[in-house]
């Protein structure tokens, strides 16, 4: 995960490093869980990091929320 982020974006973010540290801290607990639960926790961690990274990058870029309206209805024939 860290190598991918460094390769694609050219930087390492603190939330990605925090996710890796959290996984390392929780690894003794994961040894006692069933494999499916460990896989789900890993997938949840990666999903949370990806979602957080996406929102941070969108805010930094000044992106507009597409669900807030903004005339999107005119593209699809509504609002005429």
Protein backbone atom coordinates (compact mmCIF):
# COMPACT_ATOMS: atom_id res chain seq x y z
CA UNK A 1 0.00 0.00 0.00
CA UNK A 2 2.78 2.42 0.86
CA UNK A 3 4.82 1.49 -2.20
CA UNK A 4 1.79 1.92 -4.47
CA UNK A 5 0.96 5.35 -3.07
CA UNK A 6 4.57 6.49 -3.31
CA UNK A 7 4.81 5.24 -6.89
CA UNK A 8 1.50 6.66 -8.14
CA UNK A 9 1.31 9.95 -6.24
CA UNK A 10 4.97 10.52 -5.45
CA UNK A 11 4.30 11.03 -1.74
CA UNK A 12 3.46 9.23 1.46
CA UNK A 13 0.55 10.57 3.46
CA UNK A 14 0.12 10.46 7.20
CA UNK A 15 -3.22 8.65 7.06
CA UNK A 16 -1.67 5.86 5.00
CA UNK A 17 1.15 5.53 7.49
CA UNK A 18 -1.39 5.57 10.33
CA UNK A 19 -3.28 2.69 8.70
CA UNK A 20 -0.10 0.63 8.47
CA UNK A 21 0.73 1.34 12.11
CA UNK A 22 -2.82 0.39 13.14
CA UNK A 23 -2.52 -2.90 11.25
CA UNK A 24 0.78 -3.64 12.97
CA UNK A 25 -0.65 -2.85 16.38
CA UNK A 26 -3.71 -5.03 15.79
CA UNK A 27 -1.77 -7.98 14.37
CA UNK A 28 -1.64 -9.89 17.71
CA UNK A 29 -5.43 -9.67 17.89
CA UNK A 30 -5.72 -10.78 14.27
CA UNK A 31 -3.80 -13.95 15.06
CA UNK A 32 -6.71 -15.06 17.25
CA UNK A 33 -9.48 -14.23 14.75
CA UNK A 34 -10.79 -16.44 11.96
CA UNK A 35 -9.20 -15.82 8.54
CA UNK A 36 -12.41 -14.37 7.10
CA UNK A 37 -12.57 -11.75 9.86
CA UNK A 38 -8.92 -10.81 9.29
CA UNK A 39 -9.57 -10.44 5.56
CA UNK A 40 -12.61 -8.27 6.20
CA UNK A 41 -10.68 -6.06 8.61
CA UNK A 42 -7.89 -5.67 6.06
CA UNK A 43 -10.35 -4.81 3.31
CA UNK A 44 -12.10 -2.32 5.60
CA UNK A 45 -8.77 -0.67 6.42
CA UNK A 46 -7.80 -0.32 2.77
CA UNK A 47 -11.26 0.98 1.88
CA UNK A 48 -11.14 3.55 4.68
CA UNK A 49 -7.70 4.78 3.60
CA UNK A 50 -8.82 5.01 -0.04
CA UNK A 51 -12.02 6.89 0.84
CA UNK A 52 -10.21 9.27 3.15
CA UNK A 53 -7.52 9.89 0.57
CA UNK A 54 -10.11 10.55 -2.11
CA UNK A 55 -11.96 13.08 0.00
CA UNK A 56 -8.76 14.86 1.02
CA UNK A 57 -7.53 15.07 -2.57
CA UNK A 58 -10.94 16.31 -3.76
CA UNK A 59 -11.00 19.02 -1.10
CA UNK A 60 -7.47 20.12 -1.95
CA UNK A 61 -8.34 20.26 -5.64
CA UNK A 62 -11.46 22.32 -4.94
CA UNK A 63 -13.84 19.79 -6.44
CA UNK A 64 -17.56 20.43 -6.20
CA UNK A 65 -19.94 17.88 -4.75
CA UNK A 66 -21.80 16.42 -7.78
CA UNK A 67 -24.86 15.53 -5.70
CA UNK A 68 -25.39 19.16 -4.62
CA UNK A 69 -27.10 20.08 -7.86
CA UNK A 70 -25.31 22.70 -9.84
CA UNK A 71 -27.38 22.34 -13.00
CA UNK A 72 -26.69 18.64 -13.55
CA UNK A 73 -30.35 18.07 -14.32
CA UNK A 74 -30.08 20.02 -17.56
CA UNK A 75 -27.64 17.51 -18.99
CA UNK A 76 -30.13 14.70 -18.74
CA UNK A 77 -33.16 16.49 -20.11
CA UNK A 78 -34.71 17.46 -16.78
CA UNK A 79 -35.53 21.02 -15.86
CA UNK A 80 -36.52 22.20 -19.30
